[in-house]
PDB file of all heavy atoms in Angstrom:
ATOM      1  N   GLY A   1      -8.202 -18.561 -16.277  1.00  0.00           N
ATOM      2  CA  GLY A   1      -9.323 -18.238 -17.152  1.00  0.00           C
ATOM      3  C   GLY A   1      -9.672 -16.766 -17.198  1.00  0.00           C
ATOM      4  O   GLY A   1     -10.768 -16.398 -17.636  1.00  0.00           O
ATOM      5  N   LEU A   2      -8.757 -15.911 -16.776  1.00  0.00           N
ATOM      6  CA  LEU A   2      -8.965 -14.469 -16.814  1.00  0.00           C
ATOM      7  C   LEU A   2      -7.890 -13.822 -17.678  1.00  0.00           C
ATOM      8  O   LEU A   2      -6.812 -14.383 -17.876  1.00  0.00           O
ATOM      9  CB  LEU A   2      -8.916 -13.867 -15.405  1.00  0.00           C
ATOM     10  CG  LEU A   2     -10.004 -14.311 -14.424  1.00  0.00           C
ATOM     11  CD1 LEU A   2      -9.651 -13.854 -13.005  1.00  0.00           C
ATOM     12  CD2 LEU A   2     -11.368 -13.749 -14.830  1.00  0.00           C
ATOM     13  N   GLU A   3      -8.179 -12.635 -18.157  1.00  0.00           N
ATOM     14  CA  GLU A   3      -7.219 -11.882 -18.960  1.00  0.00           C
ATOM     15  C   GLU A   3      -7.099 -10.473 -18.402  1.00  0.00           C
ATOM     16  O   GLU A   3      -8.112  -9.808 -18.151  1.00  0.00           O
ATOM     17  CB  GLU A   3      -7.681 -11.820 -20.409  1.00  0.00           C
ATOM     18  CG  GLU A   3      -6.707 -11.097 -21.329  1.00  0.00           C
ATOM     19  CD  GLU A   3      -7.148 -11.141 -22.774  1.00  0.00           C
ATOM     20  OE1 GLU A   3      -8.363 -11.307 -23.027  1.00  0.00           O
ATOM     21  OE2 GLU A   3      -6.276 -11.006 -23.653  1.00  0.00           O
ATOM     22  N   ALA A   4      -5.868 -10.015 -18.207  1.00  0.00           N
ATOM     23  CA  ALA A   4      -5.649  -8.670 -17.681  1.00  0.00           C
ATOM     24  C   ALA A   4      -6.056  -7.628 -18.723  1.00  0.00           C
ATOM     25  O   ALA A   4      -5.560  -7.638 -19.844  1.00  0.00           O
ATOM     26  CB  ALA A   4      -4.190  -8.485 -17.296  1.00  0.00           C
ATOM     27  N   VAL A   5      -6.960  -6.742 -18.341  1.00  0.00           N
ATOM     28  CA  VAL A   5      -7.317  -5.596 -19.174  1.00  0.00           C
ATOM     29  C   VAL A   5      -6.305  -4.479 -18.964  1.00  0.00           C
ATOM     30  O   VAL A   5      -5.888  -3.800 -19.898  1.00  0.00           O
ATOM     31  CB  VAL A   5      -8.736  -5.110 -18.845  1.00  0.00           C
ATOM     32  CG1 VAL A   5      -9.073  -3.843 -19.630  1.00  0.00           C
ATOM     33  CG2 VAL A   5      -9.759  -6.211 -19.117  1.00  0.00           C
ATOM     34  N   SER A   6      -5.891  -4.315 -17.708  1.00  0.00           N
ATOM     35  CA  SER A   6      -4.897  -3.291 -17.375  1.00  0.00           C
ATOM     36  C   SER A   6      -4.179  -3.679 -16.102  1.00  0.00           C
ATOM     37  O   SER A   6      -4.757  -4.306 -15.207  1.00  0.00           O
ATOM     38  CB  SER A   6      -5.552  -1.917 -17.208  1.00  0.00           C
ATOM     39  OG  SER A   6      -6.508  -1.938 -16.157  1.00  0.00           O
ATOM     40  N   ILE A   7      -2.889  -3.333 -16.026  1.00  0.00           N
ATOM     41  CA  ILE A   7      -2.094  -3.459 -14.807  1.00  0.00           C
ATOM     42  C   ILE A   7      -1.342  -2.140 -14.671  1.00  0.00           C
ATOM     43  O   ILE A   7      -0.385  -1.878 -15.401  1.00  0.00           O
ATOM     44  CB  ILE A   7      -1.117  -4.641 -14.854  1.00  0.00           C
ATOM     45  CG1 ILE A   7      -1.872  -5.956 -15.074  1.00  0.00           C
ATOM     46  CG2 ILE A   7      -0.299  -4.716 -13.565  1.00  0.00           C
ATOM     47  CD1 ILE A   7      -0.971  -7.191 -15.129  1.00  0.00           C
ATOM     48  N   ASP A   8      -1.798  -1.298 -13.759  1.00  0.00           N
ATOM     49  CA  ASP A   8      -1.270   0.063 -13.639  1.00  0.00           C
ATOM     50  C   ASP A   8      -0.579   0.253 -12.296  1.00  0.00           C
ATOM     51  O   ASP A   8      -1.092  -0.163 -11.250  1.00  0.00           O
ATOM     52  CB  ASP A   8      -2.397   1.089 -13.775  1.00  0.00           C
ATOM     53  CG  ASP A   8      -3.059   1.037 -15.141  1.00  0.00           C
ATOM     54  OD1 ASP A   8      -2.333   0.884 -16.139  1.00  0.00           O
ATOM     55  OD2 ASP A   8      -4.308   1.132 -15.208  1.00  0.00           O
ATOM     56  N   ARG A   9       0.559   0.903 -12.337  1.00  0.00           N
ATOM     57  CA  ARG A   9       1.305   1.217 -11.111  1.00  0.00           C
ATOM     58  C   ARG A   9       0.686   2.457 -10.469  1.00  0.00           C
ATOM     59  O   ARG A   9       0.431   3.465 -11.141  1.00  0.00           O
ATOM     60  CB  ARG A   9       2.767   1.478 -11.465  1.00  0.00           C
ATOM     61  CG  ARG A   9       3.753   1.351 -10.316  1.00  0.00           C
ATOM     62  CD  ARG A   9       5.172   1.311 -10.879  1.00  0.00           C
ATOM     63  NE  ARG A   9       6.165   1.041  -9.860  1.00  0.00           N
ATOM     64  CZ  ARG A   9       6.943   1.966  -9.323  1.00  0.00           C
ATOM     65  NH1 ARG A   9       6.820   3.228  -9.699  1.00  0.00           N
ATOM     66  NH2 ARG A   9       7.849   1.655  -8.423  1.00  0.00           N
ATOM     67  N   LEU A  10       0.441   2.382  -9.168  1.00  0.00           N
ATOM     68  CA  LEU A  10      -0.204   3.481  -8.444  1.00  0.00           C
ATOM     69  C   LEU A  10       0.621   3.808  -7.202  1.00  0.00           C
ATOM     70  O   LEU A  10       0.948   2.922  -6.412  1.00  0.00           O
ATOM     71  CB  LEU A  10      -1.625   3.088  -8.042  1.00  0.00           C
ATOM     72  CG  LEU A  10      -2.454   4.122  -7.294  1.00  0.00           C
ATOM     73  CD1 LEU A  10      -2.694   5.363  -8.153  1.00  0.00           C
ATOM     74  CD2 LEU A  10      -3.788   3.524  -6.838  1.00  0.00           C
ATOM     75  N   VAL A  11       0.942   5.074  -7.038  1.00  0.00           N
ATOM     76  CA  VAL A  11       1.718   5.540  -5.888  1.00  0.00           C
ATOM     77  C   VAL A  11       0.857   6.514  -5.089  1.00  0.00           C
ATOM     78  O   VAL A  11       0.423   7.543  -5.617  1.00  0.00           O
ATOM     79  CB  VAL A  11       3.023   6.234  -6.330  1.00  0.00           C
ATOM     80  CG1 VAL A  11       3.820   6.697  -5.114  1.00  0.00           C
ATOM     81  CG2 VAL A  11       3.864   5.299  -7.184  1.00  0.00           C
ATOM     82  N   LEU A  12       0.594   6.187  -3.819  1.00  0.00           N
ATOM     83  CA  LEU A  12      -0.217   7.025  -2.942  1.00  0.00           C
ATOM     84  C   LEU A  12       0.480   7.162  -1.590  1.00  0.00           C
ATOM     85  O   LEU A  12       1.243   6.289  -1.182  1.00  0.00           O
ATOM     86  CB  LEU A  12      -1.610   6.425  -2.739  1.00  0.00           C
ATOM     87  CG  LEU A  12      -2.506   6.320  -3.981  1.00  0.00           C
ATOM     88  CD1 LEU A  12      -3.794   5.585  -3.627  1.00  0.00           C
ATOM     89  CD2 LEU A  12      -2.813   7.699  -4.553  1.00  0.00           C
ATOM     90  N   SER A  13       0.176   8.245  -0.887  1.00  0.00           N
ATOM     91  CA  SER A  13       0.808   8.503   0.410  1.00  0.00           C
ATOM     92  C   SER A  13      -0.034   7.960   1.551  1.00  0.00           C
ATOM     93  O   SER A  13      -1.262   8.083   1.557  1.00  0.00           O
ATOM     94  CB  SER A  13       1.011  10.011   0.604  1.00  0.00           C
ATOM     95  OG  SER A  13       1.942  10.509  -0.319  1.00  0.00           O
ATOM     96  N   GLY A  14       0.651   7.359   2.522  1.00  0.00           N
ATOM     97  CA  GLY A  14       0.021   6.914   3.752  1.00  0.00           C
ATOM     98  C   GLY A  14       0.589   7.668   4.940  1.00  0.00           C
ATOM     99  O   GLY A  14       1.678   8.243   4.859  1.00  0.00           O
ATOM    100  N   THR A  15      -0.143   7.678   6.037  1.00  0.00           N
ATOM    101  CA  THR A  15       0.271   8.441   7.218  1.00  0.00           C
ATOM    102  C   THR A  15       0.281   7.556   8.462  1.00  0.00           C
ATOM    103  O   THR A  15      -0.427   6.543   8.535  1.00  0.00           O
ATOM    104  CB  THR A  15      -0.666   9.630   7.458  1.00  0.00           C
ATOM    105  OG1 THR A  15      -2.002   9.147   7.699  1.00  0.00           O
ATOM    106  CG2 THR A  15      -0.670  10.569   6.263  1.00  0.00           C
ATOM    107  N   ALA A  16       1.102   7.957   9.424  1.00  0.00           N
ATOM    108  CA  ALA A  16       1.166   7.269  10.712  1.00  0.00           C
ATOM    109  C   ALA A  16       1.547   8.287  11.774  1.00  0.00           C
ATOM    110  O   ALA A  16       2.330   9.202  11.510  1.00  0.00           O
ATOM    111  CB  ALA A  16       2.192   6.144  10.673  1.00  0.00           C
ATOM    112  N   PRO A  17       1.006   8.157  12.991  1.00  0.00           N
ATOM    113  CA  PRO A  17       1.370   9.098  14.056  1.00  0.00           C
ATOM    114  C   PRO A  17       2.818   8.974  14.492  1.00  0.00           C
ATOM    115  O   PRO A  17       3.401   9.929  14.995  1.00  0.00           O
ATOM    116  CB  PRO A  17       0.410   8.740  15.196  1.00  0.00           C
ATOM    117  CG  PRO A  17      -0.040   7.352  14.906  1.00  0.00           C
ATOM    118  CD  PRO A  17      -0.035   7.213  13.423  1.00  0.00           C
ATOM    119  N   SER A  18       3.418   7.794  14.291  1.00  0.00           N
ATOM    120  CA  SER A  18       4.804   7.589  14.699  1.00  0.00           C
ATOM    121  C   SER A  18       5.344   6.335  14.032  1.00  0.00           C
ATOM    122  O   SER A  18       4.591   5.472  13.570  1.00  0.00           O
ATOM    123  CB  SER A  18       4.914   7.431  16.221  1.00  0.00           C
ATOM    124  OG  SER A  18       4.291   6.228  16.633  1.00  0.00           O
ATOM    125  N   ALA A  19       6.667   6.228  14.021  1.00  0.00           N
ATOM    126  CA  ALA A  19       7.291   5.004  13.516  1.00  0.00           C
ATOM    127  C   ALA A  19       6.966   3.826  14.428  1.00  0.00           C
ATOM    128  O   ALA A  19       6.849   2.688  13.965  1.00  0.00           O
ATOM    129  CB  ALA A  19       8.799   5.204  13.412  1.00  0.00           C
ATOM    130  N   ARG A  20       6.820   4.082  15.721  1.00  0.00           N
ATOM    131  CA  ARG A  20       6.464   3.008  16.655  1.00  0.00           C
ATOM    132  C   ARG A  20       5.115   2.406  16.293  1.00  0.00           C
ATOM    133  O   ARG A  20       4.940   1.178  16.368  1.00  0.00           O
ATOM    134  CB  ARG A  20       6.428   3.534  18.091  1.00  0.00           C
ATOM    135  CG  ARG A  20       5.861   2.526  19.104  1.00  0.00           C
ATOM    136  CD  ARG A  20       6.051   2.969  20.532  1.00  0.00           C
ATOM    137  NE  ARG A  20       7.450   2.805  20.915  1.00  0.00           N
ATOM    138  CZ  ARG A  20       7.970   1.661  21.358  1.00  0.00           C
ATOM    139  NH1 ARG A  20       7.216   0.569  21.473  1.00  0.00           N
ATOM    140  NH2 ARG A  20       9.229   1.595  21.702  1.00  0.00           N
ATOM    141  N   THR A  21       4.157   3.227  15.892  1.00  0.00           N
ATOM    142  CA  THR A  21       2.845   2.716  15.512  1.00  0.00           C
ATOM    143  C   THR A  21       2.975   1.729  14.355  1.00  0.00           C
ATOM    144  O   THR A  21       2.374   0.655  14.361  1.00  0.00           O
ATOM    145  CB  THR A  21       1.911   3.866  15.112  1.00  0.00           C
ATOM    146  OG1 THR A  21       1.761   4.761  16.214  1.00  0.00           O
ATOM    147  CG2 THR A  21       0.540   3.350  14.704  1.00  0.00           C
ATOM    148  N   VAL A  22       3.763   2.085  13.348  1.00  0.00           N
ATOM    149  CA  VAL A  22       3.951   1.202  12.195  1.00  0.00           C
ATOM    150  C   VAL A  22       4.654  -0.083  12.624  1.00  0.00           C
ATOM    151  O   VAL A  22       4.268  -1.186  12.213  1.00  0.00           O
ATOM    152  CB  VAL A  22       4.747   1.906  11.087  1.00  0.00           C
ATOM    153  CG1 VAL A  22       4.945   0.976   9.900  1.00  0.00           C
ATOM    154  CG2 VAL A  22       4.043   3.187  10.646  1.00  0.00           C
ATOM    155  N   ALA A  23       5.670   0.045  13.459  1.00  0.00           N
ATOM    156  CA  ALA A  23       6.387  -1.134  13.941  1.00  0.00           C
ATOM    157  C   ALA A  23       5.456  -2.073  14.696  1.00  0.00           C
ATOM    158  O   ALA A  23       5.493  -3.298  14.505  1.00  0.00           O
ATOM    159  CB  ALA A  23       7.553  -0.716  14.825  1.00  0.00           C
ATOM    160  N   GLU A  24       4.619  -1.515  15.562  1.00  0.00           N
ATOM    161  CA  GLU A  24       3.669  -2.336  16.312  1.00  0.00           C
ATOM    162  C   GLU A  24       2.655  -2.984  15.377  1.00  0.00           C
ATOM    163  O   GLU A  24       2.238  -4.126  15.595  1.00  0.00           O
ATOM    164  CB  GLU A  24       2.976  -1.498  17.369  1.00  0.00           C
ATOM    165  CG  GLU A  24       3.899  -1.077  18.502  1.00  0.00           C
ATOM    166  CD  GLU A  24       3.219  -0.148  19.502  1.00  0.00           C
ATOM    167  OE1 GLU A  24       2.100   0.338  19.194  1.00  0.00           O
ATOM    168  OE2 GLU A  24       3.808   0.080  20.577  1.00  0.00           O
ATOM    169  N   GLY A  25       2.260  -2.260  14.329  1.00  0.00           N
ATOM    170  CA  GLY A  25       1.328  -2.834  13.375  1.00  0.00           C
ATOM    171  C   GLY A  25       1.885  -4.080  12.719  1.00  0.00           C
ATOM    172  O   GLY A  25       1.210  -5.114  12.621  1.00  0.00           O
ATOM    173  N   PHE A  26       3.130  -4.003  12.259  1.00  0.00           N
ATOM    174  CA  PHE A  26       3.757  -5.161  11.634  1.00  0.00           C
ATOM    175  C   PHE A  26       4.041  -6.268  12.645  1.00  0.00           C
ATOM    176  O   PHE A  26       3.782  -7.453  12.389  1.00  0.00           O
ATOM    177  CB  PHE A  26       5.068  -4.756  10.961  1.00  0.00           C
ATOM    178  CG  PHE A  26       4.900  -4.116   9.620  1.00  0.00           C
ATOM    179  CD1 PHE A  26       5.294  -2.800   9.419  1.00  0.00           C
ATOM    180  CD2 PHE A  26       4.368  -4.814   8.560  1.00  0.00           C
ATOM    181  CE1 PHE A  26       5.159  -2.196   8.171  1.00  0.00           C
ATOM    182  CE2 PHE A  26       4.223  -4.230   7.311  1.00  0.00           C
ATOM    183  CZ  PHE A  26       4.618  -2.911   7.118  1.00  0.00           C
TER     184      PHE A  26
END
């Protein structure tokens, strides 16, 4: 029952102190 007004692609940068931090997060 909804209609899309807009669907926009957005690219933003994220940061992490280390790859290990990201691995532990997942």
